[in-house]
């Protein structure tokens, strides 16, 4: 569907993933049974709903095609329209195109890059 998908990862988890070469997900991911991703169009709303006010996050962009059959496009568990990318397995770091810190504005919302590459 989308060539690049995005996730937001806590700094400590991202440091651990870089050392291991693989990201296994957050506690929320483990609870739900998959790693949560968003498309570029879904990203800001996902941040506002699920990561509002959280400091020390990284925005991580992954190549969807590199994830193979473990990536599924599914409806969200809530009332949000559209299909969301869910990864049923760990994120291999070779699939990551780029990662950058996702700072907070004074109002607690995240400051995204002007244009997602």
PDB file of N, CA and C in Angstrom:
ATOM      1  N   UNK A   1       0.830  -1.183   0.000  1.00  0.00           N
ATOM      2  CA  UNK A   1       0.000   0.000   0.000  1.00  0.00           C
ATOM      3  C   UNK A   1       0.880   1.256   0.000  1.00  0.00           C
ATOM      4  N   UNK A   2       1.481   1.593   1.104  1.00  0.00           N
ATOM      5  CA  UNK A   2       2.388   2.739   1.173  1.00  0.00           C
ATOM      6  C   UNK A   2       3.825   2.209   1.158  1.00  0.00           C
ATOM      7  N   UNK A   3       4.726   2.864   0.446  1.00  0.00           N
ATOM      8  CA  UNK A   3       6.101   2.353   0.402  1.00  0.00           C
ATOM      9  C   UNK A   3       6.872   2.550   1.710  1.00  0.00           C
ATOM     10  N   UNK A   4       6.556   3.623   2.439  1.00  0.00           N
ATOM     11  CA  UNK A   4       7.240   3.905   3.704  1.00  0.00           C
ATOM     12  C   UNK A   4       6.191   3.987   4.805  1.00  0.00           C
ATOM     13  N   UNK A   5       6.472   3.333   5.933  1.00  0.00           N
ATOM     14  CA  UNK A   5       5.591   3.398   7.099  1.00  0.00           C
ATOM     15  C   UNK A   5       6.406   3.884   8.287  1.00  0.00           C
ATOM     16  N   UNK A   6       5.721   4.359   9.320  1.00  0.00           N
ATOM     17  CA  UNK A   6       6.381   5.059  10.421  1.00  0.00           C
ATOM     18  C   UNK A   6       5.937   4.519  11.766  1.00  0.00           C
ATOM     19  N   UNK A   7       6.866   4.561  12.710  1.00  0.00           N
ATOM     20  CA  UNK A   7       6.554   4.233  14.089  1.00  0.00           C
ATOM     21  C   UNK A   7       7.315   5.196  14.990  1.00  0.00           C
ATOM     22  N   UNK A   8       6.841   5.313  16.216  1.00  0.00           N
ATOM     23  CA  UNK A   8       7.481   6.175  17.214  1.00  0.00           C
ATOM     24  C   UNK A   8       7.998   5.281  18.333  1.00  0.00           C
ATOM     25  N   UNK A   9       9.289   5.389  18.603  1.00  0.00           N
ATOM     26  CA  UNK A   9       9.946   4.477  19.537  1.00  0.00           C
ATOM     27  C   UNK A   9      10.620   5.278  20.645  1.00  0.00           C
ATOM     28  N   UNK A  10      10.433   4.830  21.871  1.00  0.00           N
ATOM     29  CA  UNK A  10      11.085   5.484  23.015  1.00  0.00           C
ATOM     30  C   UNK A  10      12.604   5.384  22.879  1.00  0.00           C
ATOM     31  N   UNK A  11      13.294   6.418  23.342  1.00  0.00           N
ATOM     32  CA  UNK A  11      14.746   6.502  23.185  1.00  0.00           C
ATOM     33  C   UNK A  11      15.472   5.271  23.725  1.00  0.00           C
ATOM     34  N   UNK A  12      15.143   4.838  24.930  1.00  0.00           N
ATOM     35  CA  UNK A  12      15.834   3.675  25.519  1.00  0.00           C
ATOM     36  C   UNK A  12      15.611   2.426  24.667  1.00  0.00           C
ATOM     37  N   UNK A  13      14.397   2.252  24.153  1.00  0.00           N
ATOM     38  CA  UNK A  13      14.098   1.096  23.302  1.00  0.00           C
ATOM     39  C   UNK A  13      14.838   1.184  21.969  1.00  0.00           C
ATOM     40  N   UNK A  14      14.965   2.407  21.431  1.00  0.00           N
ATOM     41  CA  UNK A  14      15.664   2.580  20.157  1.00  0.00           C
ATOM     42  C   UNK A  14      17.158   2.318  20.319  1.00  0.00           C
ATOM     43  N   UNK A  15      17.731   2.764  21.439  1.00  0.00           N
ATOM     44  CA  UNK A  15      19.150   2.477  21.689  1.00  0.00           C
ATOM     45  C   UNK A  15      19.369   0.970  21.778  1.00  0.00           C
ATOM     46  N   UNK A  16      18.484   0.275  22.473  1.00  0.00           N
ATOM     47  CA  UNK A  16      18.583  -1.185  22.597  1.00  0.00           C
ATOM     48  C   UNK A  16      18.440  -1.863  21.232  1.00  0.00           C
ATOM     49  N   UNK A  17      17.507  -1.380  20.421  1.00  0.00           N
ATOM     50  CA  UNK A  17      17.296  -1.950  19.092  1.00  0.00           C
ATOM     51  C   UNK A  17      18.529  -1.777  18.211  1.00  0.00           C
ATOM     52  N   UNK A  18      19.130  -0.592  18.260  1.00  0.00           N
ATOM     53  CA  UNK A  18      20.330  -0.355  17.443  1.00  0.00           C
ATOM     54  C   UNK A  18      21.458  -1.285  17.861  1.00  0.00           C
ATOM     55  N   UNK A  19      21.596  -1.545  19.132  1.00  0.00           N
ATOM     56  CA  UNK A  19      22.648  -2.452  19.603  1.00  0.00           C
ATOM     57  C   UNK A  19      22.373  -3.887  19.165  1.00  0.00           C
ATOM     58  N   UNK A  20      21.099  -4.268  19.155  1.00  0.00           N
ATOM     59  CA  UNK A  20      20.717  -5.643  18.820  1.00  0.00           C
ATOM     60  C   UNK A  20      20.520  -5.860  17.320  1.00  0.00           C
ATOM     61  N   UNK A  21      20.297  -4.771  16.561  1.00  0.00           N
ATOM     62  CA  UNK A  21      20.031  -4.901  15.137  1.00  0.00           C
ATOM     63  C   UNK A  21      18.591  -5.243  14.815  1.00  0.00           C
ATOM     64  N   UNK A  22      17.724  -5.171  15.838  1.00  0.00           N
ATOM     65  CA  UNK A  22      16.317  -5.536  15.661  1.00  0.00           C
ATOM     66  C   UNK A  22      15.491  -4.836  16.741  1.00  0.00           C
ATOM     67  N   UNK A  23      14.285  -4.399  16.371  1.00  0.00           N
ATOM     68  CA  UNK A  23      13.382  -3.789  17.345  1.00  0.00           C
ATOM     69  C   UNK A  23      12.224  -4.746  17.587  1.00  0.00           C
ATOM     70  N   UNK A  24      12.044  -5.134  18.830  1.00  0.00           N
ATOM     71  CA  UNK A  24      11.023  -6.122  19.178  1.00  0.00           C
ATOM     72  C   UNK A  24       9.705  -5.500  19.626  1.00  0.00           C
ATOM     73  N   UNK A  25       9.678  -4.179  19.789  1.00  0.00           N
ATOM     74  CA  UNK A  25       8.430  -3.509  20.115  1.00  0.00           C
ATOM     75  C   UNK A  25       8.346  -3.049  21.551  1.00  0.00           C
ATOM     76  N   UNK A  26       7.324  -2.252  21.815  1.00  0.00           N
ATOM     77  CA  UNK A  26       7.068  -1.694  23.143  1.00  0.00           C
ATOM     78  C   UNK A  26       6.167  -2.633  23.946  1.00  0.00           C
ATOM     79  N   UNK A  27       5.913  -2.258  25.172  1.00  0.00           N
ATOM     80  CA  UNK A  27       4.974  -3.028  26.000  1.00  0.00           C
ATOM     81  C   UNK A  27       3.584  -3.022  25.358  1.00  0.00           C
ATOM     82  N   UNK A  28       3.202  -1.902  24.755  1.00  0.00           N
ATOM     83  CA  UNK A  28       1.905  -1.821  24.081  1.00  0.00           C
ATOM     84  C   UNK A  28       1.860  -2.763  22.880  1.00  0.00           C
ATOM     85  N   UNK A  29       2.961  -2.821  22.138  1.00  0.00           N
ATOM     86  CA  UNK A  29       3.033  -3.738  21.000  1.00  0.00           C
ATOM     87  C   UNK A  29       2.886  -5.183  21.474  1.00  0.00           C
ATOM     88  N   UNK A  30       3.588  -5.535  22.547  1.00  0.00           N
ATOM     89  CA  UNK A  30       3.514  -6.902  23.083  1.00  0.00           C
ATOM     90  C   UNK A  30       2.084  -7.223  23.512  1.00  0.00           C
ATOM     91  N   UNK A  31       1.433  -6.262  24.141  1.00  0.00           N
ATOM     92  CA  UNK A  31       0.045  -6.457  24.588  1.00  0.00           C
ATOM     93  C   UNK A  31      -0.877  -6.729  23.406  1.00  0.00           C
ATOM     94  N   UNK A  32      -0.679  -5.992  22.310  1.00  0.00           N
ATOM     95  CA  UNK A  32      -1.572  -6.115  21.165  1.00  0.00           C
ATOM     96  C   UNK A  32      -1.160  -7.221  20.191  1.00  0.00           C
ATOM     97  N   UNK A  33       0.058  -7.734  20.313  1.00  0.00           N
ATOM     98  CA  UNK A  33       0.503  -8.835  19.473  1.00  0.00           C
ATOM     99  C   UNK A  33       1.127  -8.421  18.150  1.00  0.00           C
ATOM    100  N   UNK A  34       1.376  -7.131  17.962  1.00  0.00           N
ATOM    101  CA  UNK A  34       2.008  -6.643  16.741  1.00  0.00           C
ATOM    102  C   UNK A  34       2.626  -5.278  17.012  1.00  0.00           C
ATOM    103  N   UNK A  35       3.554  -4.866  16.149  1.00  0.00           N
ATOM    104  CA  UNK A  35       4.149  -3.536  16.230  1.00  0.00           C
ATOM    105  C   UNK A  35       3.253  -2.563  15.469  1.00  0.00           C
ATOM    106  N   UNK A  36       2.971  -1.432  16.097  1.00  0.00           N
ATOM    107  CA  UNK A  36       2.102  -0.416  15.522  1.00  0.00           C
ATOM    108  C   UNK A  36       2.891   0.516  14.595  1.00  0.00           C
ATOM    109  N   UNK A  37       2.383   0.694  13.401  1.00  0.00           N
ATOM    110  CA  UNK A  37       2.936   1.633  12.436  1.00  0.00           C
ATOM    111  C   UNK A  37       1.812   2.513  11.927  1.00  0.00           C
ATOM    112  N   UNK A  38       2.182   3.590  11.254  1.00  0.00           N
ATOM    113  CA  UNK A  38       1.231   4.498  10.628  1.00  0.00           C
ATOM    114  C   UNK A  38       1.759   4.877   9.259  1.00  0.00           C
ATOM    115  N   UNK A  39       0.851   5.292   8.396  1.00  0.00           N
ATOM    116  CA  UNK A  39       1.261   5.909   7.145  1.00  0.00           C
ATOM    117  C   UNK A  39       1.590   7.369   7.439  1.00  0.00           C
ATOM    118  N   UNK A  40       2.138   8.064   6.470  1.00  0.00           N
ATOM    119  CA  UNK A  40       2.426   9.487   6.652  1.00  0.00           C
ATOM    120  C   UNK A  40       1.147  10.253   6.964  1.00  0.00           C
ATOM    121  N   UNK A  41       0.038   9.895   6.325  1.00  0.00           N
ATOM    122  CA  UNK A  41      -1.233  10.584   6.551  1.00  0.00           C
ATOM    123  C   UNK A  41      -1.808  10.304   7.939  1.00  0.00           C
ATOM    124  N   UNK A  42      -1.481   9.174   8.537  1.00  0.00           N
ATOM    125  CA  UNK A  42      -2.020   8.780   9.842  1.00  0.00           C
ATOM    126  C   UNK A  42      -1.131   9.196  11.012  1.00  0.00           C
ATOM    127  N   UNK A  43       0.086   9.577  10.723  1.00  0.00           N
ATOM    128  CA  UNK A  43       1.117   9.731  11.742  1.00  0.00           C
ATOM    129  C   UNK A  43       0.791  10.768  12.811  1.00  0.00           C
ATOM    130  N   UNK A  44       0.394  11.947  12.426  1.00  0.00           N
ATOM    131  CA  UNK A  44       0.151  13.010  13.414  1.00  0.00           C
ATOM    132  C   UNK A  44      -1.010  12.659  14.339  1.00  0.00           C
ATOM    133  N   UNK A  45      -2.059  12.088  13.797  1.00  0.00           N
ATOM    134  CA  UNK A  45      -3.184  11.677  14.646  1.00  0.00           C
ATOM    135  C   UNK A  45      -2.774  10.549  15.590  1.00  0.00           C
ATOM    136  N   UNK A  46      -1.982   9.614  15.100  1.00  0.00           N
ATOM    137  CA  UNK A  46      -1.495   8.525  15.963  1.00  0.00           C
ATOM    138  C   UNK A  46      -0.654   9.082  17.109  1.00  0.00           C
ATOM    139  N   UNK A  47       0.193  10.039  16.808  1.00  0.00           N
ATOM    140  CA  UNK A  47       1.015  10.659  17.855  1.00  0.00           C
ATOM    141  C   UNK A  47       0.133  11.353  18.885  1.00  0.00           C
ATOM    142  N   UNK A  48      -0.869  12.082  18.418  1.00  0.00           N
ATOM    143  CA  UNK A  48      -1.758  12.806  19.335  1.00  0.00           C
ATOM    144  C   UNK A  48      -2.565  11.852  20.206  1.00  0.00           C
ATOM    145  N   UNK A  49      -2.987  10.730  19.656  1.00  0.00           N
ATOM    146  CA  UNK A  49      -3.804   9.763  20.404  1.00  0.00           C
ATOM    147  C   UNK A  49      -2.982   8.905  21.370  1.00  0.00           C
ATOM    148  N   UNK A  50      -1.799   8.480  20.910  1.00  0.00           N
ATOM    149  CA  UNK A  50      -1.074   7.441  21.651  1.00  0.00           C
ATOM    150  C   UNK A  50       0.251   7.875  22.258  1.00  0.00           C
ATOM    151  N   UNK A  51       0.789   9.008  21.840  1.00  0.00           N
ATOM    152  CA  UNK A  51       2.090   9.438  22.340  1.00  0.00           C
ATOM    153  C   UNK A  51       2.098  10.883  22.822  1.00  0.00           C
ATOM    154  N   UNK A  52       0.934  11.472  23.006  1.00  0.00           N
ATOM    155  CA  UNK A  52       0.840  12.881  23.399  1.00  0.00           C
ATOM    156  C   UNK A  52       1.649  13.152  24.670  1.00  0.00           C
ATOM    157  N   UNK A  53       2.494  14.173  24.591  1.00  0.00           N
ATOM    158  CA  UNK A  53       3.285  14.587  25.734  1.00  0.00           C
ATOM    159  C   UNK A  53       4.476  13.704  26.062  1.00  0.00           C
ATOM    160  N   UNK A  54       4.700  12.645  25.310  1.00  0.00           N
ATOM    161  CA  UNK A  54       5.820  11.747  25.594  1.00  0.00           C
ATOM    162  C   UNK A  54       7.109  12.324  25.028  1.00  0.00           C
ATOM    163  N   UNK A  55       8.076  12.568  25.900  1.00  0.00           N
ATOM    164  CA  UNK A  55       9.374  13.050  25.431  1.00  0.00           C
ATOM    165  C   UNK A  55      10.250  11.885  24.979  1.00  0.00           C
ATOM    166  N   UNK A  56      11.384  12.211  24.431  1.00  0.00           N
ATOM    167  CA  UNK A  56      12.422  11.222  24.109  1.00  0.00           C
ATOM    168  C   UNK A  56      11.950  10.127  23.163  1.00  0.00           C
ATOM    169  N   UNK A  57      11.233  10.531  22.119  1.00  0.00           N
ATOM    170  CA  UNK A  57      10.812   9.575  21.105  1.00  0.00           C
ATOM    171  C   UNK A  57      11.650   9.742  19.846  1.00  0.00           C
ATOM    172  N   UNK A  58      11.741   8.665  19.097  1.00  0.00           N
ATOM    173  CA  UNK A  58      12.346   8.669  17.773  1.00  0.00           C
ATOM    174  C   UNK A  58      11.259   8.371  16.757  1.00  0.00           C
ATOM    175  N   UNK A  59      11.270   9.090  15.655  1.00  0.00           N
ATOM    176  CA  UNK A  59      10.417   8.786  14.521  1.00  0.00           C
ATOM    177  C   UNK A  59      11.229   7.890  13.595  1.00  0.00           C
ATOM    178  N   UNK A  60      10.709   6.717  13.331  1.00  0.00           N
ATOM    179  CA  UNK A  60      11.437   5.713  12.557  1.00  0.00           C
ATOM    180  C   UNK A  60      10.643   5.395  11.293  1.00  0.00           C
ATOM    181  N   UNK A  61      11.295   5.505  10.145  1.00  0.00           N
ATOM    182  CA  UNK A  61      10.683   5.228   8.846  1.00  0.00           C
ATOM    183  C   UNK A  61      11.224   3.892   8.325  1.00  0.00           C
ATOM    184  N   UNK A  62      10.312   3.012   7.950  1.00  0.00           N
ATOM    185  CA  UNK A  62      10.708   1.691   7.455  1.00  0.00           C
ATOM    186  C   UNK A  62      10.136   1.456   6.059  1.00  0.00           C
ATOM    187  N   UNK A  63      10.851   0.683   5.266  1.00  0.00           N
ATOM    188  CA  UNK A  63      10.388   0.299   3.933  1.00  0.00           C
ATOM    189  C   UNK A  63       9.414  -0.865   4.066  1.00  0.00           C
ATOM    190  N   UNK A  64       8.176  -0.632   3.688  1.00  0.00           N
ATOM    191  CA  UNK A  64       7.137  -1.645   3.846  1.00  0.00           C
ATOM    192  C   UNK A  64       7.475  -2.932   3.085  1.00  0.00           C
ATOM    193  N   UNK A  65       7.984  -2.810   1.874  1.00  0.00           N
ATOM    194  CA  UNK A  65       8.270  -3.998   1.059  1.00  0.00           C
ATOM    195  C   UNK A  65       9.325  -4.893   1.707  1.00  0.00           C
ATOM    196  N   UNK A  66      10.219  -4.312   2.497  1.00  0.00           N
ATOM    197  CA  UNK A  66      11.283  -5.091   3.140  1.00  0.00           C
ATOM    198  C   UNK A  66      10.757  -5.949   4.290  1.00  0.00           C
ATOM    199  N   UNK A  67       9.513  -5.731   4.690  1.00  0.00           N
ATOM    200  CA  UNK A  67       8.967  -6.444   5.850  1.00  0.00           C
ATOM    201  C   UNK A  67       8.214  -7.712   5.469  1.00  0.00           C
ATOM    202  N   UNK A  68       7.957  -7.898   4.188  1.00  0.00           N
ATOM    203  CA  UNK A  68       7.364  -9.140   3.709  1.00  0.00           C
ATOM    204  C   UNK A  68       5.997  -9.442   4.280  1.00  0.00           C
ATOM    205  N   UNK A  69       5.745 -10.734   4.477  1.00  0.00           N
ATOM    206  CA  UNK A  69       4.415 -11.193   4.896  1.00  0.00           C
ATOM    207  C   UNK A  69       4.102 -10.890   6.358  1.00  0.00           C
ATOM    208  N   UNK A  70       5.093 -10.453   7.125  1.00  0.00           N
ATOM    209  CA  UNK A  70       4.816 -10.120   8.524  1.00  0.00           C
ATOM    210  C   UNK A  70       4.109  -8.771   8.654  1.00  0.00           C
ATOM    211  N   UNK A  71       4.037  -7.995   7.566  1.00  0.00           N
ATOM    212  CA  UNK A  71       3.325  -6.714   7.560  1.00  0.00           C
ATOM    213  C   UNK A  71       1.919  -6.940   7.022  1.00  0.00           C
ATOM    214  N   UNK A  72       0.930  -6.530   7.824  1.00  0.00           N
ATOM    215  CA  UNK A  72      -0.475  -6.654   7.418  1.00  0.00           C
ATOM    216  C   UNK A  72      -1.145  -5.288   7.536  1.00  0.00           C
ATOM    217  N   UNK A  73      -2.042  -5.010   6.609  1.00  0.00           N
ATOM    218  CA  UNK A  73      -2.824  -3.769   6.611  1.00  0.00           C
ATOM    219  C   UNK A  73      -4.193  -4.109   7.157  1.00  0.00           C
ATOM    220  N   UNK A  74      -4.515  -3.540   8.339  1.00  0.00           N
ATOM    221  CA  UNK A  74      -5.732  -3.914   9.043  1.00  0.00           C
ATOM    222  C   UNK A  74      -6.454  -2.679   9.587  1.00  0.00           C
ATOM    223  N   UNK A  75      -7.763  -2.805   9.828  1.00  0.00           N
ATOM    224  CA  UNK A  75      -8.475  -1.713  10.490  1.00  0.00           C
ATOM    225  C   UNK A  75      -7.935  -1.510  11.899  1.00  0.00           C
ATOM    226  N   UNK A  76      -8.051  -0.288  12.395  1.00  0.00           N
ATOM    227  CA  UNK A  76      -7.622  -0.038  13.774  1.00  0.00           C
ATOM    228  C   UNK A  76      -8.637  -0.659  14.718  1.00  0.00           C
ATOM    229  N   UNK A  77      -8.239  -0.823  15.966  1.00  0.00           N
ATOM    230  CA  UNK A  77      -9.149  -1.373  16.963  1.00  0.00           C
ATOM    231  C   UNK A  77     -10.233  -0.398  17.364  1.00  0.00           C
ATOM    232  N   UNK A  78     -10.073   0.876  17.037  1.00  0.00           N
ATOM    233  CA  UNK A  78     -11.046   1.900  17.397  1.00  0.00           C
ATOM    234  C   UNK A  78     -11.908   2.294  16.218  1.00  0.00           C
ATOM    235  N   UNK A  79     -12.401   3.497  16.275  1.00  0.00           N
ATOM    236  CA  UNK A  79     -13.305   3.994  15.242  1.00  0.00           C
ATOM    237  C   UNK A  79     -12.570   4.738  14.133  1.00  0.00           C
ATOM    238  N   UNK A  80     -11.256   4.647  14.085  1.00  0.00           N
ATOM    239  CA  UNK A  80     -10.487   5.371  13.069  1.00  0.00           C
ATOM    240  C   UNK A  80     -10.636   4.694  11.712  1.00  0.00           C
ATOM    241  N   UNK A  81     -10.924   5.491  10.672  1.00  0.00           N
ATOM    242  CA  UNK A  81     -11.096   4.908   9.336  1.00  0.00           C
ATOM    243  C   UNK A  81      -9.764   4.523   8.706  1.00  0.00           C
ATOM    244  N   UNK A  82      -9.838   3.654   7.733  1.00  0.00           N
ATOM    245  CA  UNK A  82      -8.654   3.280   6.977  1.00  0.00           C
ATOM    246  C   UNK A  82      -7.946   2.073   7.556  1.00  0.00           C
ATOM    247  N   UNK A  83      -6.970   1.607   6.802  1.00  0.00           N
ATOM    248  CA  UNK A  83      -6.165   0.464   7.212  1.00  0.00           C
ATOM    249  C   UNK A  83      -4.837   0.959   7.769  1.00  0.00           C
ATOM    250  N   UNK A  84      -4.376   0.291   8.816  1.00  0.00           N
ATOM    251  CA  UNK A  84      -3.122   0.648   9.465  1.00  0.00           C
ATOM    252  C   UNK A  84      -2.122  -0.485   9.276  1.00  0.00           C
ATOM    253  N   UNK A  85      -0.838  -0.145   9.109  1.00  0.00           N
ATOM    254  CA  UNK A  85       0.181  -1.180   8.986  1.00  0.00           C
ATOM    255  C   UNK A  85       0.531  -1.764  10.353  1.00  0.00           C
ATOM    256  N   UNK A  86       0.406  -3.071  10.475  1.00  0.00           N
ATOM    257  CA  UNK A  86       0.739  -3.792  11.700  1.00  0.00           C
ATOM    258  C   UNK A  86       1.795  -4.828  11.363  1.00  0.00           C
ATOM    259  N   UNK A  87       2.873  -4.840  12.121  1.00  0.00           N
ATOM    260  CA  UNK A  87       3.976  -5.763  11.870  1.00  0.00           C
ATOM    261  C   UNK A  87       3.920  -6.891  12.886  1.00  0.00           C
ATOM    262  N   UNK A  88       3.699  -8.103  12.394  1.00  0.00           N
ATOM    263  CA  UNK A  88       3.607  -9.292  13.242  1.00  0.00           C
ATOM    264  C   UNK A  88       4.960  -9.976  13.317  1.00  0.00           C
ATOM    265  N   UNK A  89       5.855  -9.341  13.998  1.00  0.00           N
ATOM    266  CA  UNK A  89       7.215  -9.821  14.170  1.00  0.00           C
ATOM    267  C   UNK A  89       8.091  -8.621  14.456  1.00  0.00           C
ATOM    268  N   UNK A  90       9.352  -8.845  14.735  1.00  0.00           N
ATOM    269  CA  UNK A  90      10.244  -7.727  15.022  1.00  0.00           C
ATOM    270  C   UNK A  90      10.583  -6.925  13.766  1.00  0.00           C
ATOM    271  N   UNK A  91      11.003  -5.702  14.000  1.00  0.00           N
ATOM    272  CA  UNK A  91      11.445  -4.827  12.917  1.00  0.00           C
ATOM    273  C   UNK A  91      12.944  -5.012  12.721  1.00  0.00           C
ATOM    274  N   UNK A  92      13.367  -5.593  11.588  1.00  0.00           N
ATOM    275  CA  UNK A  92      14.807  -5.710  11.325  1.00  0.00           C
ATOM    276  C   UNK A  92      15.365  -4.335  10.943  1.00  0.00           C
ATOM    277  N   UNK A  93      16.444  -3.927  11.555  1.00  0.00           N
ATOM    278  CA  UNK A  93      16.974  -2.592  11.298  1.00  0.00           C
ATOM    279  C   UNK A  93      17.407  -2.357   9.846  1.00  0.00           C
ATOM    280  N   UNK A  94      17.780  -3.375   9.074  1.00  0.00           N
ATOM    281  CA  UNK A  94      18.055  -3.107   7.657  1.00  0.00           C
ATOM    282  C   UNK A  94      16.836  -2.578   6.888  1.00  0.00           C
ATOM    283  N   UNK A  95      15.618  -2.784   7.408  1.00  0.00           N
ATOM    284  CA  UNK A  95      14.411  -2.259   6.761  1.00  0.00           C
ATOM    285  C   UNK A  95      14.178  -0.786   7.079  1.00  0.00           C
ATOM    286  N   UNK A  96      14.923  -0.243   8.036  1.00  0.00           N
ATOM    287  CA  UNK A  96      14.749   1.157   8.434  1.00  0.00           C
ATOM    288  C   UNK A  96      15.455   2.062   7.439  1.00  0.00           C
ATOM    289  N   UNK A  97      14.705   2.982   6.862  1.00  0.00           N
ATOM    290  CA  UNK A  97      15.289   3.931   5.919  1.00  0.00           C
ATOM    291  C   UNK A  97      15.972   5.071   6.667  1.00  0.00           C
ATOM    292  N   UNK A  98      15.315   5.598   7.719  1.00  0.00           N
ATOM    293  CA  UNK A  98      15.920   6.645   8.546  1.00  0.00           C
ATOM    294  C   UNK A  98      15.203   6.705   9.894  1.00  0.00           C
ATOM    295  N   UNK A  99      15.879   7.350  10.841  1.00  0.00           N
ATOM    296  CA  UNK A  99      15.306   7.592  12.171  1.00  0.00           C
ATOM    297  C   UNK A  99      15.787   8.959  12.630  1.00  0.00           C
ATOM    298  N   UNK A 100      14.902   9.684  13.310  1.00  0.00           N
ATOM    299  CA  UNK A 100      15.268  11.009  13.809  1.00  0.00           C
ATOM    300  C   UNK A 100      14.536  11.285  15.115  1.00  0.00           C
ATOM    301  N   UNK A 101      15.142  12.072  15.986  1.00  0.00           N
ATOM    302  CA  UNK A 101      14.451  12.441  17.227  1.00  0.00           C
ATOM    303  C   UNK A 101      13.148  13.171  16.911  1.00  0.00           C
ATOM    304  N   UNK A 102      12.151  12.963  17.758  1.00  0.00           N
ATOM    305  CA  UNK A 102      10.841  13.582  17.595  1.00  0.00           C
ATOM    306  C   UNK A 102      10.585  14.466  18.813  1.00  0.00           C
ATOM    307  N   UNK A 103      11.025  15.718  18.746  1.00  0.00           N
ATOM    308  CA  UNK A 103      10.937  16.600  19.923  1.00  0.00           C
ATOM    309  C   UNK A 103       9.507  17.052  20.205  1.00  0.00           C
ATOM    310  N   UNK A 104       9.323  17.536  21.435  1.00  0.00           N
ATOM    311  CA  UNK A 104       8.032  18.081  21.861  1.00  0.00           C
ATOM    312  C   UNK A 104       8.023  19.594  21.733  1.00  0.00           C
ATOM    313  N   UNK A 105       6.895  20.120  21.340  1.00  0.00           N
ATOM    314  CA  UNK A 105       6.658  21.559  21.412  1.00  0.00           C
ATOM    315  C   UNK A 105       6.279  21.895  22.857  1.00  0.00           C
ATOM    316  N   UNK A 106       6.290  23.180  23.227  1.00  0.00           N
ATOM    317  CA  UNK A 106       5.889  23.563  24.591  1.00  0.00           C
ATOM    318  C   UNK A 106       4.471  23.114  24.958  1.00  0.00           C
ATOM    319  N   UNK A 107       3.587  22.970  23.954  1.00  0.00           N
ATOM    320  CA  UNK A 107       2.214  22.555  24.264  1.00  0.00           C
ATOM    321  C   UNK A 107       2.054  21.044  24.396  1.00  0.00           C
ATOM    322  N   UNK A 108       3.147  20.286  24.268  1.00  0.00           N
ATOM    323  CA  UNK A 108       3.101  18.834  24.438  1.00  0.00           C
ATOM    324  C   UNK A 108       2.847  18.053  23.166  1.00  0.00           C
ATOM    325  N   UNK A 109       2.667  18.736  22.039  1.00  0.00           N
ATOM    326  CA  UNK A 109       2.535  18.031  20.771  1.00  0.00           C
ATOM    327  C   UNK A 109       3.926  17.825  20.174  1.00  0.00           C
ATOM    328  N   UNK A 110       4.034  16.850  19.304  1.00  0.00           N
ATOM    329  CA  UNK A 110       5.333  16.548  18.703  1.00  0.00           C
ATOM    330  C   UNK A 110       5.592  17.425  17.494  1.00  0.00           C
ATOM    331  N   UNK A 111       6.833  17.758  17.324  1.00  0.00           N
ATOM    332  CA  UNK A 111       7.288  18.585  16.209  1.00  0.00           C
ATOM    333  C   UNK A 111       7.808  17.658  15.112  1.00  0.00           C
ATOM    334  N   UNK A 112       7.009  17.496  14.077  1.00  0.00           N
ATOM    335  CA  UNK A 112       7.370  16.624  12.957  1.00  0.00           C
ATOM    336  C   UNK A 112       8.171  17.408  11.924  1.00  0.00           C
ATOM    337  N   UNK A 113       8.954  16.710  11.127  1.00  0.00           N
ATOM    338  CA  UNK A 113       9.666  17.414  10.054  1.00  0.00           C
ATOM    339  C   UNK A 113       8.635  18.049   9.104  1.00  0.00           C
ATOM    340  N   UNK A 114       9.008  19.146   8.489  1.00  0.00           N
ATOM    341  CA  UNK A 114       8.089  19.828   7.575  1.00  0.00           C
ATOM    342  C   UNK A 114       7.601  18.903   6.461  1.00  0.00           C
ATOM    343  N   UNK A 115       8.486  18.049   6.022  1.00  0.00           N
ATOM    344  CA  UNK A 115       8.128  17.121   4.960  1.00  0.00           C
ATOM    345  C   UNK A 115       8.798  15.801   5.272  1.00  0.00           C
ATOM    346  N   UNK A 116       8.006  14.752   5.302  1.00  0.00           N
ATOM    347  CA  UNK A 116       8.563  13.425   5.565  1.00  0.00           C
ATOM    348  C   UNK A 116       9.217  12.927   4.291  1.00  0.00           C
ATOM    349  N   UNK A 117      10.498  12.549   4.375  1.00  0.00           N
ATOM    350  CA  UNK A 117      11.199  12.064   3.173  1.00  0.00           C
ATOM    351  C   UNK A 117      10.551  10.812   2.595  1.00  0.00           C
TER     352      UNK A 117
END
